[in-house]
């Protein structure tokens, strides 16, 4: 995750999370494993804050704006961990064709 990512609804920023990553690593691993075992992604981690970003041009014109859903940092971390596990599994057992 980039340090300059926009905060989710919880207001937690990426940089402080990176600073304490070593301290909360075991907790994040446990959380990710429980999500995989139970097959339930916590509702609070699904809540997104919609932010408006300007593509360029006049900032007062909505035609130059685009909305973006911003998820909480914990949600992004767990999502990335699950994505890595699935990708590793698919690669390990060669379940993805090279033509895909």
N, C-alpha and C. Protein backbone atom coordinates (compact mmCIF):
# COMPACT_ATOMS: atom_id res chain seq x y z
N UNK A 1 0.83 -1.19 0.00
CA UNK A 1 0.00 0.00 0.00
C UNK A 1 0.87 1.25 0.00
N UNK A 2 0.43 2.24 -0.70
CA UNK A 2 1.17 3.50 -0.74
C UNK A 2 0.84 4.34 0.49
N UNK A 3 1.84 5.05 0.99
CA UNK A 3 1.64 5.89 2.18
C UNK A 3 0.65 7.02 1.96
N UNK A 4 0.49 7.44 0.71
CA UNK A 4 -0.39 8.58 0.44
C UNK A 4 -1.82 8.17 0.11
N UNK A 5 -2.17 6.92 0.38
CA UNK A 5 -3.54 6.46 0.14
C UNK A 5 -4.52 7.27 0.98
N UNK A 6 -5.69 7.48 0.44
CA UNK A 6 -6.74 8.20 1.15
C UNK A 6 -7.31 7.29 2.24
N UNK A 7 -7.65 7.88 3.38
CA UNK A 7 -8.22 7.13 4.51
C UNK A 7 -9.62 6.64 4.19
N UNK A 8 -9.95 5.48 4.76
CA UNK A 8 -11.32 4.99 4.68
C UNK A 8 -12.18 5.71 5.71
N UNK A 9 -13.40 5.21 5.92
CA UNK A 9 -14.32 5.86 6.85
C UNK A 9 -13.80 5.88 8.28
N UNK A 10 -12.88 4.97 8.61
CA UNK A 10 -12.35 4.87 9.97
C UNK A 10 -11.26 5.90 10.27
N UNK A 11 -10.76 6.58 9.24
CA UNK A 11 -9.74 7.62 9.43
C UNK A 11 -8.34 7.10 9.66
N UNK A 12 -8.13 5.79 9.56
CA UNK A 12 -6.80 5.21 9.79
C UNK A 12 -5.96 5.38 8.52
N UNK A 13 -4.75 5.92 8.68
CA UNK A 13 -3.86 6.16 7.55
C UNK A 13 -2.88 4.99 7.39
N UNK A 14 -2.34 4.86 6.19
CA UNK A 14 -1.44 3.75 5.86
C UNK A 14 -0.10 3.89 6.57
N UNK A 15 0.49 5.08 6.58
CA UNK A 15 1.84 5.26 7.14
C UNK A 15 1.95 4.79 8.59
N UNK A 16 1.04 5.17 9.49
CA UNK A 16 1.14 4.67 10.87
C UNK A 16 0.97 3.15 10.95
N UNK A 17 0.14 2.59 10.08
CA UNK A 17 -0.05 1.13 10.08
C UNK A 17 1.26 0.44 9.67
N UNK A 18 1.95 1.02 8.70
CA UNK A 18 3.24 0.45 8.29
C UNK A 18 4.25 0.54 9.43
N UNK A 19 4.19 1.62 10.19
CA UNK A 19 5.13 1.82 11.30
C UNK A 19 4.96 0.77 12.39
N UNK A 20 3.74 0.29 12.58
CA UNK A 20 3.50 -0.71 13.63
C UNK A 20 3.24 -2.10 13.05
N UNK A 21 3.55 -2.29 11.78
CA UNK A 21 3.27 -3.56 11.11
C UNK A 21 3.86 -4.76 11.85
N UNK A 22 5.07 -4.62 12.35
CA UNK A 22 5.70 -5.72 13.07
C UNK A 22 4.96 -6.09 14.34
N UNK A 23 4.35 -5.10 14.97
CA UNK A 23 3.63 -5.33 16.22
C UNK A 23 2.27 -5.98 16.00
N UNK A 24 1.64 -5.71 14.87
CA UNK A 24 0.30 -6.24 14.62
C UNK A 24 0.27 -7.35 13.58
N UNK A 25 1.44 -7.81 13.16
CA UNK A 25 1.52 -8.84 12.12
C UNK A 25 0.75 -10.09 12.51
N UNK A 26 0.99 -10.60 13.72
CA UNK A 26 0.31 -11.83 14.16
C UNK A 26 -1.20 -11.64 14.20
N UNK A 27 -1.64 -10.47 14.65
CA UNK A 27 -3.07 -10.17 14.70
C UNK A 27 -3.68 -10.18 13.30
N UNK A 28 -2.99 -9.56 12.35
CA UNK A 28 -3.48 -9.52 10.97
C UNK A 28 -3.52 -10.91 10.34
N UNK A 29 -2.51 -11.72 10.65
CA UNK A 29 -2.50 -13.10 10.15
C UNK A 29 -3.68 -13.88 10.71
N UNK A 30 -3.91 -13.73 12.02
CA UNK A 30 -5.03 -14.42 12.66
C UNK A 30 -6.36 -13.97 12.05
N UNK A 31 -6.51 -12.68 11.86
CA UNK A 31 -7.73 -12.13 11.27
C UNK A 31 -7.95 -12.70 9.87
N UNK A 32 -6.91 -12.72 9.06
CA UNK A 32 -7.02 -13.22 7.69
C UNK A 32 -7.38 -14.70 7.68
N UNK A 33 -6.73 -15.48 8.53
CA UNK A 33 -7.01 -16.92 8.60
C UNK A 33 -8.45 -17.17 9.04
N UNK A 34 -8.93 -16.42 10.03
CA UNK A 34 -10.32 -16.58 10.49
C UNK A 34 -11.32 -16.23 9.38
N UNK A 35 -11.01 -15.21 8.61
CA UNK A 35 -11.88 -14.84 7.49
C UNK A 35 -11.93 -15.97 6.48
N UNK A 36 -10.78 -16.58 6.19
CA UNK A 36 -10.74 -17.69 5.24
C UNK A 36 -11.45 -18.92 5.78
N UNK A 37 -11.23 -19.25 7.05
CA UNK A 37 -11.85 -20.43 7.66
C UNK A 37 -13.37 -20.29 7.71
N UNK A 38 -13.83 -19.15 8.19
CA UNK A 38 -15.27 -18.94 8.38
C UNK A 38 -15.98 -18.51 7.10
N UNK A 39 -15.22 -18.00 6.15
CA UNK A 39 -15.83 -17.55 4.90
C UNK A 39 -16.68 -16.31 5.06
N UNK A 40 -16.39 -15.54 6.10
CA UNK A 40 -17.16 -14.33 6.37
C UNK A 40 -16.21 -13.14 6.45
N UNK A 41 -16.46 -12.16 5.61
CA UNK A 41 -15.69 -10.92 5.63
C UNK A 41 -16.48 -9.94 6.47
N UNK A 42 -15.91 -9.42 7.57
CA UNK A 42 -16.65 -8.54 8.48
C UNK A 42 -17.32 -7.36 7.77
N UNK A 43 -18.57 -7.10 8.14
CA UNK A 43 -19.35 -6.03 7.52
C UNK A 43 -18.64 -4.67 7.61
N UNK A 44 -18.03 -4.37 8.75
CA UNK A 44 -17.36 -3.07 8.94
C UNK A 44 -16.21 -2.89 7.96
N UNK A 45 -15.63 -4.01 7.51
CA UNK A 45 -14.50 -3.92 6.58
C UNK A 45 -14.98 -3.72 5.14
N UNK A 46 -16.29 -3.80 4.93
CA UNK A 46 -16.86 -3.61 3.59
C UNK A 46 -17.34 -2.18 3.36
N UNK A 47 -17.38 -1.39 4.44
CA UNK A 47 -17.91 -0.03 4.34
C UNK A 47 -16.88 0.86 3.64
N UNK A 48 -17.31 1.49 2.58
CA UNK A 48 -16.42 2.36 1.81
C UNK A 48 -16.86 3.82 1.95
N UNK A 49 -15.88 4.68 1.89
CA UNK A 49 -16.15 6.12 1.84
C UNK A 49 -15.94 6.54 0.39
N UNK A 50 -16.90 7.23 -0.16
CA UNK A 50 -16.78 7.68 -1.55
C UNK A 50 -16.10 9.04 -1.56
N UNK A 51 -14.97 9.09 -2.26
CA UNK A 51 -14.21 10.34 -2.38
C UNK A 51 -14.28 10.81 -3.84
N UNK A 52 -14.21 12.10 -4.02
CA UNK A 52 -14.24 12.68 -5.37
C UNK A 52 -12.82 13.08 -5.76
N UNK A 53 -12.39 12.63 -6.93
CA UNK A 53 -11.06 12.96 -7.45
C UNK A 53 -11.22 13.72 -8.76
N UNK A 54 -10.39 14.70 -8.95
CA UNK A 54 -10.43 15.49 -10.17
C UNK A 54 -9.47 14.91 -11.20
N UNK A 55 -9.97 14.74 -12.42
CA UNK A 55 -9.18 14.19 -13.51
C UNK A 55 -8.34 15.25 -14.20
N UNK A 56 -8.57 16.48 -13.88
CA UNK A 56 -7.92 17.59 -14.57
C UNK A 56 -9.00 18.51 -15.11
N UNK A 57 -8.62 19.66 -15.52
CA UNK A 57 -9.61 20.61 -16.02
C UNK A 57 -10.17 21.46 -14.90
N UNK A 58 -11.33 21.99 -15.12
CA UNK A 58 -11.96 22.90 -14.15
C UNK A 58 -12.46 22.11 -12.94
N UNK A 59 -11.97 22.48 -11.76
CA UNK A 59 -12.35 21.76 -10.54
C UNK A 59 -13.80 22.00 -10.14
N UNK A 60 -14.42 23.00 -10.70
CA UNK A 60 -15.82 23.27 -10.36
C UNK A 60 -16.80 22.60 -11.33
N UNK A 61 -16.29 21.79 -12.24
CA UNK A 61 -17.13 21.10 -13.21
C UNK A 61 -17.16 19.60 -12.87
N UNK A 62 -18.37 19.07 -12.70
CA UNK A 62 -18.50 17.64 -12.35
C UNK A 62 -18.03 16.72 -13.48
N UNK A 63 -17.97 17.22 -14.69
CA UNK A 63 -17.52 16.38 -15.80
C UNK A 63 -16.03 16.04 -15.69
N UNK A 64 -15.30 16.76 -14.83
CA UNK A 64 -13.89 16.47 -14.62
C UNK A 64 -13.65 15.71 -13.32
N UNK A 65 -14.70 15.24 -12.70
CA UNK A 65 -14.60 14.51 -11.43
C UNK A 65 -14.88 13.03 -11.65
N UNK A 66 -14.31 12.23 -10.77
CA UNK A 66 -14.66 10.81 -10.77
C UNK A 66 -14.75 10.34 -9.32
N UNK A 67 -15.74 9.52 -9.03
CA UNK A 67 -15.85 9.00 -7.67
C UNK A 67 -14.95 7.79 -7.48
N UNK A 68 -14.51 7.59 -6.27
CA UNK A 68 -13.70 6.42 -5.95
C UNK A 68 -14.10 5.92 -4.57
N UNK A 69 -14.35 4.63 -4.47
CA UNK A 69 -14.68 4.03 -3.18
C UNK A 69 -13.39 3.75 -2.43
N UNK A 70 -13.30 4.26 -1.21
CA UNK A 70 -12.09 4.11 -0.41
C UNK A 70 -12.41 3.20 0.78
N UNK A 71 -11.75 2.05 0.82
CA UNK A 71 -11.97 1.07 1.88
C UNK A 71 -11.01 1.31 3.04
N UNK A 72 -11.34 0.78 4.23
CA UNK A 72 -10.43 0.90 5.38
C UNK A 72 -9.09 0.20 5.11
N UNK A 73 -8.03 0.65 5.76
CA UNK A 73 -6.70 0.08 5.57
C UNK A 73 -6.68 -1.41 5.90
N UNK A 74 -7.33 -1.79 7.01
CA UNK A 74 -7.36 -3.21 7.38
C UNK A 74 -7.99 -4.05 6.27
N UNK A 75 -9.02 -3.53 5.66
CA UNK A 75 -9.68 -4.23 4.57
C UNK A 75 -8.73 -4.43 3.39
N UNK A 76 -7.96 -3.39 3.07
CA UNK A 76 -7.00 -3.48 1.97
C UNK A 76 -5.91 -4.50 2.27
N UNK A 77 -5.45 -4.53 3.52
CA UNK A 77 -4.39 -5.46 3.92
C UNK A 77 -4.88 -6.89 3.81
N UNK A 78 -6.06 -7.16 4.37
CA UNK A 78 -6.62 -8.51 4.32
C UNK A 78 -6.90 -8.92 2.88
N UNK A 79 -7.44 -8.01 2.09
CA UNK A 79 -7.72 -8.28 0.69
C UNK A 79 -6.45 -8.67 -0.06
N UNK A 80 -5.38 -7.93 0.18
CA UNK A 80 -4.09 -8.22 -0.47
C UNK A 80 -3.54 -9.57 -0.04
N UNK A 81 -3.66 -9.89 1.25
CA UNK A 81 -3.18 -11.18 1.76
C UNK A 81 -3.94 -12.34 1.13
N UNK A 82 -5.26 -12.21 1.05
CA UNK A 82 -6.07 -13.26 0.43
C UNK A 82 -5.77 -13.37 -1.05
N UNK A 83 -5.62 -12.25 -1.72
CA UNK A 83 -5.27 -12.25 -3.14
C UNK A 83 -3.94 -12.96 -3.38
N UNK A 84 -2.95 -12.69 -2.53
CA UNK A 84 -1.64 -13.35 -2.66
C UNK A 84 -1.75 -14.85 -2.45
N UNK A 85 -2.53 -15.28 -1.47
CA UNK A 85 -2.69 -16.72 -1.21
C UNK A 85 -3.35 -17.42 -2.39
N UNK A 86 -4.39 -16.81 -2.94
CA UNK A 86 -5.08 -17.41 -4.08
C UNK A 86 -4.15 -17.48 -5.29
N UNK A 87 -3.44 -16.39 -5.55
CA UNK A 87 -2.51 -16.35 -6.68
C UNK A 87 -1.41 -17.40 -6.52
N UNK A 88 -0.84 -17.50 -5.33
CA UNK A 88 0.20 -18.51 -5.07
C UNK A 88 -0.33 -19.92 -5.31
N UNK A 89 -1.54 -20.20 -4.85
CA UNK A 89 -2.16 -21.52 -5.03
C UNK A 89 -2.36 -21.82 -6.51
N UNK A 90 -2.92 -20.87 -7.23
CA UNK A 90 -3.16 -21.07 -8.66
C UNK A 90 -1.86 -21.28 -9.43
N UNK A 91 -0.82 -20.54 -9.07
CA UNK A 91 0.48 -20.71 -9.72
C UNK A 91 1.13 -22.03 -9.34
N UNK A 92 1.06 -22.39 -8.07
CA UNK A 92 1.69 -23.63 -7.58
C UNK A 92 1.14 -24.85 -8.31
N UNK A 93 -0.16 -24.89 -8.52
CA UNK A 93 -0.79 -26.04 -9.17
C UNK A 93 -1.08 -25.80 -10.64
N UNK A 94 -0.48 -24.76 -11.18
CA UNK A 94 -0.58 -24.42 -12.60
C UNK A 94 -2.02 -24.47 -13.10
N UNK A 95 -2.91 -23.78 -12.37
CA UNK A 95 -4.33 -23.79 -12.69
C UNK A 95 -4.74 -22.66 -13.63
N UNK A 96 -3.78 -21.80 -13.96
CA UNK A 96 -4.07 -20.71 -14.90
C UNK A 96 -3.28 -20.96 -16.17
N UNK A 97 -3.98 -20.97 -17.27
CA UNK A 97 -3.34 -21.18 -18.56
C UNK A 97 -2.43 -20.00 -18.88
N UNK A 98 -1.32 -20.26 -19.54
CA UNK A 98 -0.40 -19.18 -19.91
C UNK A 98 -1.03 -18.24 -20.93
N UNK A 99 -2.10 -18.68 -21.59
CA UNK A 99 -2.77 -17.82 -22.57
C UNK A 99 -3.78 -16.88 -21.92
N UNK A 100 -3.94 -16.97 -20.60
CA UNK A 100 -4.87 -16.07 -19.90
C UNK A 100 -4.16 -14.86 -19.40
